[in-house]
All heavy atoms as atom14 arrays in JSON, in Angstrom:
{
  "sequence": "LGLLTVDPTRQAGGLGRLLIEAAEAEARSRFAATRMEMTVIRQRSEL",
  "atom14_mask": [
    [1, 1, 1, 1, 1, 1, 1, 1, 0, 0, 0, 0, 0, 0],
    [1, 1, 1, 1, 0, 0, 0, 0, 0, 0, 0, 0, 0, 0],
    [1, 1, 1, 1, 1, 1, 1, 1, 0, 0, 0, 0, 0, 0],
    [1, 1, 1, 1, 1, 1, 1, 1, 0, 0, 0, 0, 0, 0],
    [1, 1, 1, 1, 1, 1, 1, 0, 0, 0, 0, 0, 0, 0],
    [1, 1, 1, 1, 1, 1, 1, 0, 0, 0, 0, 0, 0, 0],
    [1, 1, 1, 1, 1, 1, 1, 1, 0, 0, 0, 0, 0, 0],
    [1, 1, 1, 1, 1, 1, 1, 0, 0, 0, 0, 0, 0, 0],
    [1, 1, 1, 1, 1, 1, 1, 0, 0, 0, 0, 0, 0, 0],
    [1, 1, 1, 1, 1, 1, 1, 1, 1, 1, 1, 0, 0, 0],
    [1, 1, 1, 1, 1, 1, 1, 1, 1, 0, 0, 0, 0, 0],
    [1, 1, 1, 1, 1, 0, 0, 0, 0, 0, 0, 0, 0, 0],
    [1, 1, 1, 1, 0, 0, 0, 0, 0, 0, 0, 0, 0, 0],
    [1, 1, 1, 1, 0, 0, 0, 0, 0, 0, 0, 0, 0, 0],
    [1, 1, 1, 1, 1, 1, 1, 1, 0, 0, 0, 0, 0, 0],
    [1, 1, 1, 1, 0, 0, 0, 0, 0, 0, 0, 0, 0, 0],
    [1, 1, 1, 1, 1, 1, 1, 1, 1, 1, 1, 0, 0, 0],
    [1, 1, 1, 1, 1, 1, 1, 1, 0, 0, 0, 0, 0, 0],
    [1, 1, 1, 1, 1, 1, 1, 1, 0, 0, 0, 0, 0, 0],
    [1, 1, 1, 1, 1, 1, 1, 1, 0, 0, 0, 0, 0, 0],
    [1, 1, 1, 1, 1, 1, 1, 1, 1, 0, 0, 0, 0, 0],
    [1, 1, 1, 1, 1, 0, 0, 0, 0, 0, 0, 0, 0, 0],
    [1, 1, 1, 1, 1, 0, 0, 0, 0, 0, 0, 0, 0, 0],
    [1, 1, 1, 1, 1, 1, 1, 1, 1, 0, 0, 0, 0, 0],
    [1, 1, 1, 1, 1, 0, 0, 0, 0, 0, 0, 0, 0, 0],
    [1, 1, 1, 1, 1, 1, 1, 1, 1, 0, 0, 0, 0, 0],
    [1, 1, 1, 1, 1, 0, 0, 0, 0, 0, 0, 0, 0, 0],
    [1, 1, 1, 1, 1, 1, 1, 1, 1, 1, 1, 0, 0, 0],
    [1, 1, 1, 1, 1, 1, 0, 0, 0, 0, 0, 0, 0, 0],
    [1, 1, 1, 1, 1, 1, 1, 1, 1, 1, 1, 0, 0, 0],
    [1, 1, 1, 1, 1, 1, 1, 1, 1, 1, 1, 0, 0, 0],
    [1, 1, 1, 1, 1, 0, 0, 0, 0, 0, 0, 0, 0, 0],
    [1, 1, 1, 1, 1, 0, 0, 0, 0, 0, 0, 0, 0, 0],
    [1, 1, 1, 1, 1, 1, 1, 0, 0, 0, 0, 0, 0, 0],
    [1, 1, 1, 1, 1, 1, 1, 1, 1, 1, 1, 0, 0, 0],
    [1, 1, 1, 1, 1, 1, 1, 1, 0, 0, 0, 0, 0, 0],
    [1, 1, 1, 1, 1, 1, 1, 1, 1, 0, 0, 0, 0, 0],
    [1, 1, 1, 1, 1, 1, 1, 1, 0, 0, 0, 0, 0, 0],
    [1, 1, 1, 1, 1, 1, 1, 0, 0, 0, 0, 0, 0, 0],
    [1, 1, 1, 1, 1, 1, 1, 0, 0, 0, 0, 0, 0, 0],
    [1, 1, 1, 1, 1, 1, 1, 1, 0, 0, 0, 0, 0, 0],
    [1, 1, 1, 1, 1, 1, 1, 1, 1, 1, 1, 0, 0, 0],
    [1, 1, 1, 1, 1, 1, 1, 1, 1, 0, 0, 0, 0, 0],
    [1, 1, 1, 1, 1, 1, 1, 1, 1, 1, 1, 0, 0, 0],
    [1, 1, 1, 1, 1, 1, 0, 0, 0, 0, 0, 0, 0, 0],
    [1, 1, 1, 1, 1, 1, 1, 1, 1, 0, 0, 0, 0, 0],
    [1, 1, 1, 1, 1, 1, 1, 1, 0, 0, 0, 0, 0, 0]
  ],
  "atom14_positions": [
    [[-58.68, -11.42, 101.65], [-59.42, -12.55, 102.2], [-59.45, -12.38, 103.71], [-58.41, -12.19, 104.34], [-58.72, -13.86, 101.82], [-59.4, -15.16, 102.24], [-59.09, -16.24, 101.22], [-58.98, -15.6, 103.62], [0.0, 0.0, 0.0], [0.0, 0.0, 0.0], [0.0, 0.0, 0.0], [0.0, 0.0, 0.0], [0.0, 0.0, 0.0], [0.0, 0.0, 0.0]],
    [[-60.64, -12.44, 104.29], [-60.77, -12.3, 105.73], [-61.94, -13.1, 106.27], [-62.73, -13.66, 105.5], [0.0, 0.0, 0.0], [0.0, 0.0, 0.0], [0.0, 0.0, 0.0], [0.0, 0.0, 0.0], [0.0, 0.0, 0.0], [0.0, 0.0, 0.0], [0.0, 0.0, 0.0], [0.0, 0.0, 0.0], [0.0, 0.0, 0.0], [0.0, 0.0, 0.0]],
    [[-62.06, -13.11, 107.58], [-63.16, -13.8, 108.28], [-63.32, -15.26, 107.85], [-64.42, -15.79, 107.86], [-64.49, -13.07, 108.07], [-64.75, -11.82, 108.89], [-66.1, -11.21, 108.54], [-64.68, -12.1, 110.38], [0.0, 0.0, 0.0], [0.0, 0.0, 0.0], [0.0, 0.0, 0.0], [0.0, 0.0, 0.0], [0.0, 0.0, 0.0], [0.0, 0.0, 0.0]],
    [[-62.23, -15.89, 107.48], [-62.32, -17.31, 107.14], [-62.75, -18.06, 108.39], [-62.07, -18.04, 109.41], [-60.98, -17.85, 106.62], [-60.97, -19.32, 106.25], [-61.93, -19.6, 105.1], [-59.57, -19.77, 105.88], [0.0, 0.0, 0.0], [0.0, 0.0, 0.0], [0.0, 0.0, 0.0], [0.0, 0.0, 0.0], [0.0, 0.0, 0.0], [0.0, 0.0, 0.0]],
    [[-63.89, -18.7, 108.31], [-64.5, -19.34, 109.47], [-65.03, -20.7, 109.09], [-65.75, -20.83, 108.1], [-65.68, -18.49, 110.0], [-65.24, -17.16, 110.25], [-66.28, -19.09, 111.26], [0.0, 0.0, 0.0], [0.0, 0.0, 0.0], [0.0, 0.0, 0.0], [0.0, 0.0, 0.0], [0.0, 0.0, 0.0], [0.0, 0.0, 0.0], [0.0, 0.0, 0.0]],
    [[-64.7, -21.7, 109.9], [-65.27, -23.04, 109.76], [-65.84, -23.42, 111.12], [-65.19, -23.22, 112.15], [-64.21, -24.06, 109.31], [-64.77, -25.48, 109.31], [-63.67, -23.7, 107.93], [0.0, 0.0, 0.0], [0.0, 0.0, 0.0], [0.0, 0.0, 0.0], [0.0, 0.0, 0.0], [0.0, 0.0, 0.0], [0.0, 0.0, 0.0], [0.0, 0.0, 0.0]],
    [[-67.04, -23.94, 111.13], [-67.65, -24.44, 112.36], [-66.6, -25.29, 113.08], [-66.03, -26.2, 112.48], [-68.87, -25.28, 111.99], [-69.58, -25.9, 113.18], [-68.92, -26.26, 114.17], [-70.81, -26.06, 113.1], [0.0, 0.0, 0.0], [0.0, 0.0, 0.0], [0.0, 0.0, 0.0], [0.0, 0.0, 0.0], [0.0, 0.0, 0.0], [0.0, 0.0, 0.0]],
    [[-66.31, -24.99, 114.37], [-65.25, -25.71, 115.07], [-65.43, -27.23, 115.08], [-64.44, -27.97, 115.09], [-65.31, -25.16, 116.5], [-65.96, -23.83, 116.37], [-66.9, -23.94, 115.2], [0.0, 0.0, 0.0], [0.0, 0.0, 0.0], [0.0, 0.0, 0.0], [0.0, 0.0, 0.0], [0.0, 0.0, 0.0], [0.0, 0.0, 0.0], [0.0, 0.0, 0.0]],
    [[-66.64, -27.71, 115.03], [-66.87, -29.16, 115.04], [-66.61, -29.79, 113.68], [-66.6, -31.01, 113.55], [-68.3, -29.49, 115.48], [-69.23, -28.97, 114.53], [-68.6, -28.92, 116.86], [0.0, 0.0, 0.0], [0.0, 0.0, 0.0], [0.0, 0.0, 0.0], [0.0, 0.0, 0.0], [0.0, 0.0, 0.0], [0.0, 0.0, 0.0], [0.0, 0.0, 0.0]],
    [[-66.4, -28.96, 112.64], [-66.16, -29.45, 111.29], [-64.76, -29.14, 110.78], [-64.47, -29.34, 109.61], [-67.19, -28.86, 110.32], [-68.6, -29.33, 110.6], [-69.57, -28.66, 109.63], [-70.93, -29.01, 109.87], [-71.61, -29.92, 109.17], [-71.03, -30.57, 108.19], [-72.87, -30.17, 109.45], [0.0, 0.0, 0.0], [0.0, 0.0, 0.0], [0.0, 0.0, 0.0]],
    [[-63.89, -28.62, 111.64], [-62.54, -28.27, 111.2], [-61.72, -29.52, 110.95], [-62.02, -30.59, 111.47], [-61.87, -27.37, 112.24], [-62.49, -25.98, 112.24], [-61.82, -25.03, 113.18], [-60.74, -25.29, 113.7], [-62.45, -23.89, 113.41], [0.0, 0.0, 0.0], [0.0, 0.0, 0.0], [0.0, 0.0, 0.0], [0.0, 0.0, 0.0], [0.0, 0.0, 0.0]],
    [[-60.7, -29.36, 110.14], [-59.77, -30.43, 109.74], [-60.44, -31.43, 108.81], [-59.99, -32.56, 108.68], [-59.18, -31.14, 110.96], [0.0, 0.0, 0.0], [0.0, 0.0, 0.0], [0.0, 0.0, 0.0], [0.0, 0.0, 0.0], [0.0, 0.0, 0.0], [0.0, 0.0, 0.0], [0.0, 0.0, 0.0], [0.0, 0.0, 0.0], [0.0, 0.0, 0.0]],
    [[-61.5, -30.99, 108.11], [-62.18, -31.86, 107.17], [-62.11, -31.37, 105.73], [-62.75, -31.94, 104.86], [0.0, 0.0, 0.0], [0.0, 0.0, 0.0], [0.0, 0.0, 0.0], [0.0, 0.0, 0.0], [0.0, 0.0, 0.0], [0.0, 0.0, 0.0], [0.0, 0.0, 0.0], [0.0, 0.0, 0.0], [0.0, 0.0, 0.0], [0.0, 0.0, 0.0]],
    [[-61.37, -30.3, 105.48], [-61.22, -29.8, 104.12], [-62.09, -28.61, 103.77], [-61.93, -28.03, 102.69], [0.0, 0.0, 0.0], [0.0, 0.0, 0.0], [0.0, 0.0, 0.0], [0.0, 0.0, 0.0], [0.0, 0.0, 0.0], [0.0, 0.0, 0.0], [0.0, 0.0, 0.0], [0.0, 0.0, 0.0], [0.0, 0.0, 0.0], [0.0, 0.0, 0.0]],
    [[-63.0, -28.21, 104.65], [-63.89, -27.09, 104.33], [-63.14, -25.77, 104.23], [-63.43, -24.95, 103.36], [-65.02, -26.99, 105.36], [-66.05, -25.91, 105.12], [-66.7, -26.04, 103.74], [-67.12, -25.93, 106.21], [0.0, 0.0, 0.0], [0.0, 0.0, 0.0], [0.0, 0.0, 0.0], [0.0, 0.0, 0.0], [0.0, 0.0, 0.0], [0.0, 0.0, 0.0]],
    [[-62.14, -25.54, 105.07], [-61.36, -24.31, 104.99], [-60.69, -24.16, 103.63], [-60.71, -23.09, 103.03], [0.0, 0.0, 0.0], [0.0, 0.0, 0.0], [0.0, 0.0, 0.0], [0.0, 0.0, 0.0], [0.0, 0.0, 0.0], [0.0, 0.0, 0.0], [0.0, 0.0, 0.0], [0.0, 0.0, 0.0], [0.0, 0.0, 0.0], [0.0, 0.0, 0.0]],
    [[-60.12, -25.24, 103.14], [-59.47, -25.23, 101.82], [-60.49, -24.89, 100.74], [-60.22, -24.08, 99.84], [-58.83, -26.59, 101.55], [-58.2, -26.72, 100.18], [-57.65, -28.11, 99.93], [-58.54, -29.2, 100.3], [-59.57, -29.62, 99.56], [-59.83, -29.06, 98.41], [-60.33, -30.61, 99.97], [0.0, 0.0, 0.0], [0.0, 0.0, 0.0], [0.0, 0.0, 0.0]],
    [[-61.69, -25.49, 100.83], [-62.73, -25.2, 99.84], [-63.21, -23.76, 99.92], [-63.5, -23.14, 98.89], [-63.91, -26.17, 100.02], [-63.61, -27.64, 99.73], [-64.82, -28.51, 100.08], [-63.19, -27.85, 98.29], [0.0, 0.0, 0.0], [0.0, 0.0, 0.0], [0.0, 0.0, 0.0], [0.0, 0.0, 0.0], [0.0, 0.0, 0.0], [0.0, 0.0, 0.0]],
    [[-63.29, -23.21, 101.12], [-63.67, -21.81, 101.27], [-62.64, -20.88, 100.65], [-62.99, -19.9, 99.99], [-63.87, -21.46, 102.75], [-65.22, -21.84, 103.34], [-65.16, -21.92, 104.86], [-66.29, -20.84, 102.89], [0.0, 0.0, 0.0], [0.0, 0.0, 0.0], [0.0, 0.0, 0.0], [0.0, 0.0, 0.0], [0.0, 0.0, 0.0], [0.0, 0.0, 0.0]],
    [[-61.36, -21.19, 100.83], [-60.31, -20.38, 100.21], [-60.42, -20.44, 98.7], [-60.33, -19.42, 98.01], [-58.92, -20.82, 100.69], [-58.71, -20.4, 102.14], [-57.82, -20.23, 99.81], [-57.42, -20.92, 102.75], [0.0, 0.0, 0.0], [0.0, 0.0, 0.0], [0.0, 0.0, 0.0], [0.0, 0.0, 0.0], [0.0, 0.0, 0.0], [0.0, 0.0, 0.0]],
    [[-60.61, -21.63, 98.15], [-60.76, -21.77, 96.7], [-61.97, -20.99, 96.19], [-61.89, -20.32, 95.15], [-60.88, -23.25, 96.33], [-59.6, -24.02, 96.53], [-59.76, -25.54, 96.39], [-60.89, -26.02, 96.11], [-58.76, -26.25, 96.58], [0.0, 0.0, 0.0], [0.0, 0.0, 0.0], [0.0, 0.0, 0.0], [0.0, 0.0, 0.0], [0.0, 0.0, 0.0]],
    [[-63.08, -21.04, 96.92], [-64.27, -20.28, 96.52], [-64.0, -18.78, 96.6], [-64.42, -18.01, 95.72], [-65.46, -20.66, 97.41], [0.0, 0.0, 0.0], [0.0, 0.0, 0.0], [0.0, 0.0, 0.0], [0.0, 0.0, 0.0], [0.0, 0.0, 0.0], [0.0, 0.0, 0.0], [0.0, 0.0, 0.0], [0.0, 0.0, 0.0], [0.0, 0.0, 0.0]],
    [[-63.27, -18.34, 97.64], [-62.94, -16.92, 97.79], [-62.04, -16.45, 96.65], [-62.23, -15.35, 96.11], [-62.26, -16.68, 99.13], [0.0, 0.0, 0.0], [0.0, 0.0, 0.0], [0.0, 0.0, 0.0], [0.0, 0.0, 0.0], [0.0, 0.0, 0.0], [0.0, 0.0, 0.0], [0.0, 0.0, 0.0], [0.0, 0.0, 0.0], [0.0, 0.0, 0.0]],
    [[-61.07, -17.27, 96.28], [-60.17, -16.9, 95.19], [-60.93, -16.8, 93.86], [-60.73, -15.86, 93.09], [-59.04, -17.91, 95.09], [-58.09, -17.83, 96.28], [-57.11, -18.99, 96.39], [-57.22, -19.98, 95.61], [-56.24, -18.92, 97.27], [0.0, 0.0, 0.0], [0.0, 0.0, 0.0], [0.0, 0.0, 0.0], [0.0, 0.0, 0.0], [0.0, 0.0, 0.0]],
    [[-61.83, -17.74, 93.62], [-62.65, -17.69, 92.4], [-63.54, -16.46, 92.4], [-63.7, -15.79, 91.37], [-63.48, -18.97, 92.27], [0.0, 0.0, 0.0], [0.0, 0.0, 0.0], [0.0, 0.0, 0.0], [0.0, 0.0, 0.0], [0.0, 0.0, 0.0], [0.0, 0.0, 0.0], [0.0, 0.0, 0.0], [0.0, 0.0, 0.0], [0.0, 0.0, 0.0]],
    [[-64.11, -16.14, 93.55], [-64.97, -14.95, 93.67], [-64.16, -13.68, 93.44], [-64.62, -12.76, 92.76], [-65.63, -14.92, 95.05], [-66.7, -13.89, 95.21], [-68.0, -14.23, 94.5], [-68.21, -15.39, 94.09], [-68.84, -13.32, 94.36], [0.0, 0.0, 0.0], [0.0, 0.0, 0.0], [0.0, 0.0, 0.0], [0.0, 0.0, 0.0], [0.0, 0.0, 0.0]],
    [[-62.96, -13.62, 93.98], [-62.1, -12.45, 93.8], [-61.78, -12.24, 92.32], [-61.79, -11.1, 91.83], [-60.81, -12.61, 94.6], [0.0, 0.0, 0.0], [0.0, 0.0, 0.0], [0.0, 0.0, 0.0], [0.0, 0.0, 0.0], [0.0, 0.0, 0.0], [0.0, 0.0, 0.0], [0.0, 0.0, 0.0], [0.0, 0.0, 0.0], [0.0, 0.0, 0.0]],
    [[-61.51, -13.34, 91.61], [-61.21, -13.22, 90.18], [-62.45, -12.78, 89.4], [-62.37, -11.88, 88.56], [-60.7, -14.56, 89.64], [-59.27, -14.88, 90.02], [-58.72, -16.11, 89.29], [-59.47, -17.32, 89.58], [-59.19, -18.17, 90.57], [-58.18, -17.94, 91.37], [-59.91, -19.26, 90.74], [0.0, 0.0, 0.0], [0.0, 0.0, 0.0], [0.0, 0.0, 0.0]],
    [[-63.59, -13.42, 89.65], [-64.77, -13.14, 88.84], [-65.46, -11.83, 89.21], [-65.87, -11.08, 88.33], [-65.77, -14.3, 88.92], [-66.3, -14.42, 90.22], [0.0, 0.0, 0.0], [0.0, 0.0, 0.0], [0.0, 0.0, 0.0], [0.0, 0.0, 0.0], [0.0, 0.0, 0.0], [0.0, 0.0, 0.0], [0.0, 0.0, 0.0], [0.0, 0.0, 0.0]],
    [[-65.57, -11.52, 90.47], [-66.3, -10.32, 90.91], [-65.46, -9.06, 90.83], [-65.96, -7.99, 90.47], [-66.81, -10.51, 92.34], [-67.68, -9.37, 92.85], [-68.12, -9.59, 94.28], [-69.06, -10.68, 94.42], [-70.34, -10.53, 94.74], [-70.84, -9.32, 94.94], [-71.12, -11.58, 94.86], [0.0, 0.0, 0.0], [0.0, 0.0, 0.0], [0.0, 0.0, 0.0]],
    [[-64.16, -9.17, 91.18], [-63.31, -7.99, 91.29], [-62.15, -7.98, 90.3], [-61.31, -7.08, 90.37], [-62.77, -7.86, 92.72], [-63.85, -7.8, 93.78], [-63.86, -8.7, 94.83], [-64.84, -6.84, 93.72], [-64.84, -8.64, 95.81], [-65.83, -6.77, 94.7], [-65.83, -7.68, 95.74], [0.0, 0.0, 0.0], [0.0, 0.0, 0.0], [0.0, 0.0, 0.0]],
    [[-62.07, -8.96, 89.42], [-60.96, -9.08, 88.46], [-59.61, -9.07, 89.16], [-58.63, -8.52, 88.66], [-61.04, -7.99, 87.39], [0.0, 0.0, 0.0], [0.0, 0.0, 0.0], [0.0, 0.0, 0.0], [0.0, 0.0, 0.0], [0.0, 0.0, 0.0], [0.0, 0.0, 0.0], [0.0, 0.0, 0.0], [0.0, 0.0, 0.0], [0.0, 0.0, 0.0]],
    [[-59.56, -9.67, 90.33], [-58.33, -9.7, 91.11], [-57.32, -10.67, 90.51], [-57.69, -11.74, 90.01], [-58.64, -10.09, 92.56], [0.0, 0.0, 0.0], [0.0, 0.0, 0.0], [0.0, 0.0, 0.0], [0.0, 0.0, 0.0], [0.0, 0.0, 0.0], [0.0, 0.0, 0.0], [0.0, 0.0, 0.0], [0.0, 0.0, 0.0], [0.0, 0.0, 0.0]],
    [[-56.07, -10.28, 90.59], [-54.97, -11.15, 90.16], [-54.1, -11.57, 91.34], [-53.22, -12.41, 91.19], [-54.09, -10.44, 89.11], [-53.6, -9.21, 89.68], [-54.88, -10.15, 87.84], [0.0, 0.0, 0.0], [0.0, 0.0, 0.0], [0.0, 0.0, 0.0], [0.0, 0.0, 0.0], [0.0, 0.0, 0.0], [0.0, 0.0, 0.0], [0.0, 0.0, 0.0]],
    [[-54.36, -10.95, 92.5], [-53.63, -11.28, 93.73], [-54.6, -11.24, 94.9], [-55.56, -10.47, 94.89], [-52.51, -10.27, 94.01], [-51.44, -10.2, 92.96], [-50.46, -9.06, 93.22], [-51.14, -7.76, 93.11], [-51.06, -6.78, 94.01], [-50.32, -6.91, 95.1], [-51.69, -5.64, 93.83], [0.0, 0.0, 0.0], [0.0, 0.0, 0.0], [0.0, 0.0, 0.0]],
    [[-54.33, -12.09, 95.89], [-55.14, -12.1, 97.12], [-54.19, -11.93, 98.29], [-53.12, -12.55, 98.33], [-55.88, -13.43, 97.25], [-56.75, -13.56, 98.48], [-58.37, -12.8, 98.28], [-59.25, -14.15, 97.51], [0.0, 0.0, 0.0], [0.0, 0.0, 0.0], [0.0, 0.0, 0.0], [0.0, 0.0, 0.0], [0.0, 0.0, 0.0], [0.0, 0.0, 0.0]],
    [[-54.58, -11.08, 99.24], [-53.78, -10.94, 100.45], [-54.64, -11.19, 101.67], [-55.87, -11.16, 101.59], [-53.11, -9.56, 100.54], [-54.02, -8.45, 100.98], [-53.29, -7.15, 101.33], [-52.08, -7.02, 101.04], [-53.94, -6.26, 101.88], [0.0, 0.0, 0.0], [0.0, 0.0, 0.0], [0.0, 0.0, 0.0], [0.0, 0.0, 0.0], [0.0, 0.0, 0.0]],
    [[-53.97, -11.47, 102.77], [-54.64, -11.63, 104.05], [-53.68, -11.2, 105.14], [-52.47, -11.08, 104.9], [-55.06, -13.09, 104.26], [-53.89, -14.04, 104.45], [-54.37, -15.72, 104.82], [-54.95, -16.24, 103.24], [0.0, 0.0, 0.0], [0.0, 0.0, 0.0], [0.0, 0.0, 0.0], [0.0, 0.0, 0.0], [0.0, 0.0, 0.0], [0.0, 0.0, 0.0]],
    [[-54.24, -10.98, 106.32], [-53.41, -10.71, 107.49], [-53.68, -11.81, 108.51], [-54.81, -12.27, 108.66], [-53.7, -9.33, 108.1], [-55.1, -9.22, 108.39], [-53.28, -8.22, 107.16], [0.0, 0.0, 0.0], [0.0, 0.0, 0.0], [0.0, 0.0, 0.0], [0.0, 0.0, 0.0], [0.0, 0.0, 0.0], [0.0, 0.0, 0.0], [0.0, 0.0, 0.0]],
    [[-52.61, -12.23, 109.19], [-52.7, -13.28, 110.2], [-51.91, -12.81, 111.41], [-50.83, -12.22, 111.26], [-52.1, -14.61, 109.67], [-52.26, -15.73, 110.69], [-52.72, -15.0, 108.34], [0.0, 0.0, 0.0], [0.0, 0.0, 0.0], [0.0, 0.0, 0.0], [0.0, 0.0, 0.0], [0.0, 0.0, 0.0], [0.0, 0.0, 0.0], [0.0, 0.0, 0.0]],
    [[-52.42, -13.07, 112.6], [-51.7, -12.7, 113.81], [-50.38, -13.46, 113.84], [-50.34, -14.67, 113.67], [-52.55, -13.02, 115.07], [-53.83, -12.16, 115.07], [-51.74, -12.76, 116.34], [-54.82, -12.53, 116.15], [0.0, 0.0, 0.0], [0.0, 0.0, 0.0], [0.0, 0.0, 0.0], [0.0, 0.0, 0.0], [0.0, 0.0, 0.0], [0.0, 0.0, 0.0]],
    [[-49.3, -12.73, 114.01], [-47.94, -13.28, 113.96], [-47.77, -14.51, 114.86], [-47.07, -15.46, 114.5], [-46.92, -12.22, 114.35], [-45.49, -12.73, 114.37], [-44.53, -11.72, 114.96], [-44.72, -10.43, 114.36], [-43.82, -9.8, 113.62], [-42.65, -10.33, 113.42], [-44.06, -8.62, 113.11], [0.0, 0.0, 0.0], [0.0, 0.0, 0.0], [0.0, 0.0, 0.0]],
    [[-48.41, -14.52, 116.0], [-48.25, -15.62, 116.96], [-48.94, -16.9, 116.51], [-48.79, -17.94, 117.13], [-48.82, -15.2, 118.33], [-47.98, -14.16, 119.05], [-48.25, -12.73, 118.63], [-48.9, -12.45, 117.63], [-47.72, -11.79, 119.39], [0.0, 0.0, 0.0], [0.0, 0.0, 0.0], [0.0, 0.0, 0.0], [0.0, 0.0, 0.0], [0.0, 0.0, 0.0]],
    [[-49.69, -16.87, 115.42], [-50.44, -18.04, 114.94], [-49.62, -18.83, 113.93], [-50.01, -19.03, 112.79], [-51.76, -17.58, 114.31], [-52.61, -16.62, 115.13], [-53.5, -17.24, 116.16], [-54.14, -18.45, 115.76], [-55.26, -18.55, 115.04], [-55.88, -17.47, 114.62], [-55.78, -19.72, 114.74], [0.0, 0.0, 0.0], [0.0, 0.0, 0.0], [0.0, 0.0, 0.0]],
    [[-48.46, -19.32, 114.33], [-47.52, -19.97, 113.41], [-48.12, -21.21, 112.73], [-47.85, -21.46, 111.55], [-46.22, -20.32, 114.12], [-46.48, -21.14, 115.24], [0.0, 0.0, 0.0], [0.0, 0.0, 0.0], [0.0, 0.0, 0.0], [0.0, 0.0, 0.0], [0.0, 0.0, 0.0], [0.0, 0.0, 0.0], [0.0, 0.0, 0.0], [0.0, 0.0, 0.0]],
    [[-48.94, -21.96, 113.44], [-49.56, -23.14, 112.85], [-50.51, -22.75, 111.71], [-50.55, -23.4, 110.66], [-50.34, -23.88, 113.95], [-50.49, -25.35, 113.74], [-51.14, -25.99, 114.95], [-50.56, -25.95, 116.05], [-52.25, -26.53, 114.79], [0.0, 0.0, 0.0], [0.0, 0.0, 0.0], [0.0, 0.0, 0.0], [0.0, 0.0, 0.0], [0.0, 0.0, 0.0]],
    [[-51.25, -21.67, 111.92], [-52.18, -21.19, 110.89], [-51.41, -20.6, 109.71], [-51.77, -20.83, 108.55], [-53.13, -20.16, 111.49], [-54.26, -19.67, 110.59], [-55.13, -20.83, 110.1], [-55.1, -18.64, 111.34], [0.0, 0.0, 0.0], [0.0, 0.0, 0.0], [0.0, 0.0, 0.0], [0.0, 0.0, 0.0], [0.0, 0.0, 0.0], [0.0, 0.0, 0.0]]
  ]
}
């Protein structure tokens, strides 16, 4: 999972969560994935 992006004026409204759920469903259906990984910059503790 990468490039997760939400319009800055729409953040904190639940869209990021919905995008992750859509990405997970896509990974299962398109790629038969059973696991999802991502990389996050270590300094981004809040994220």
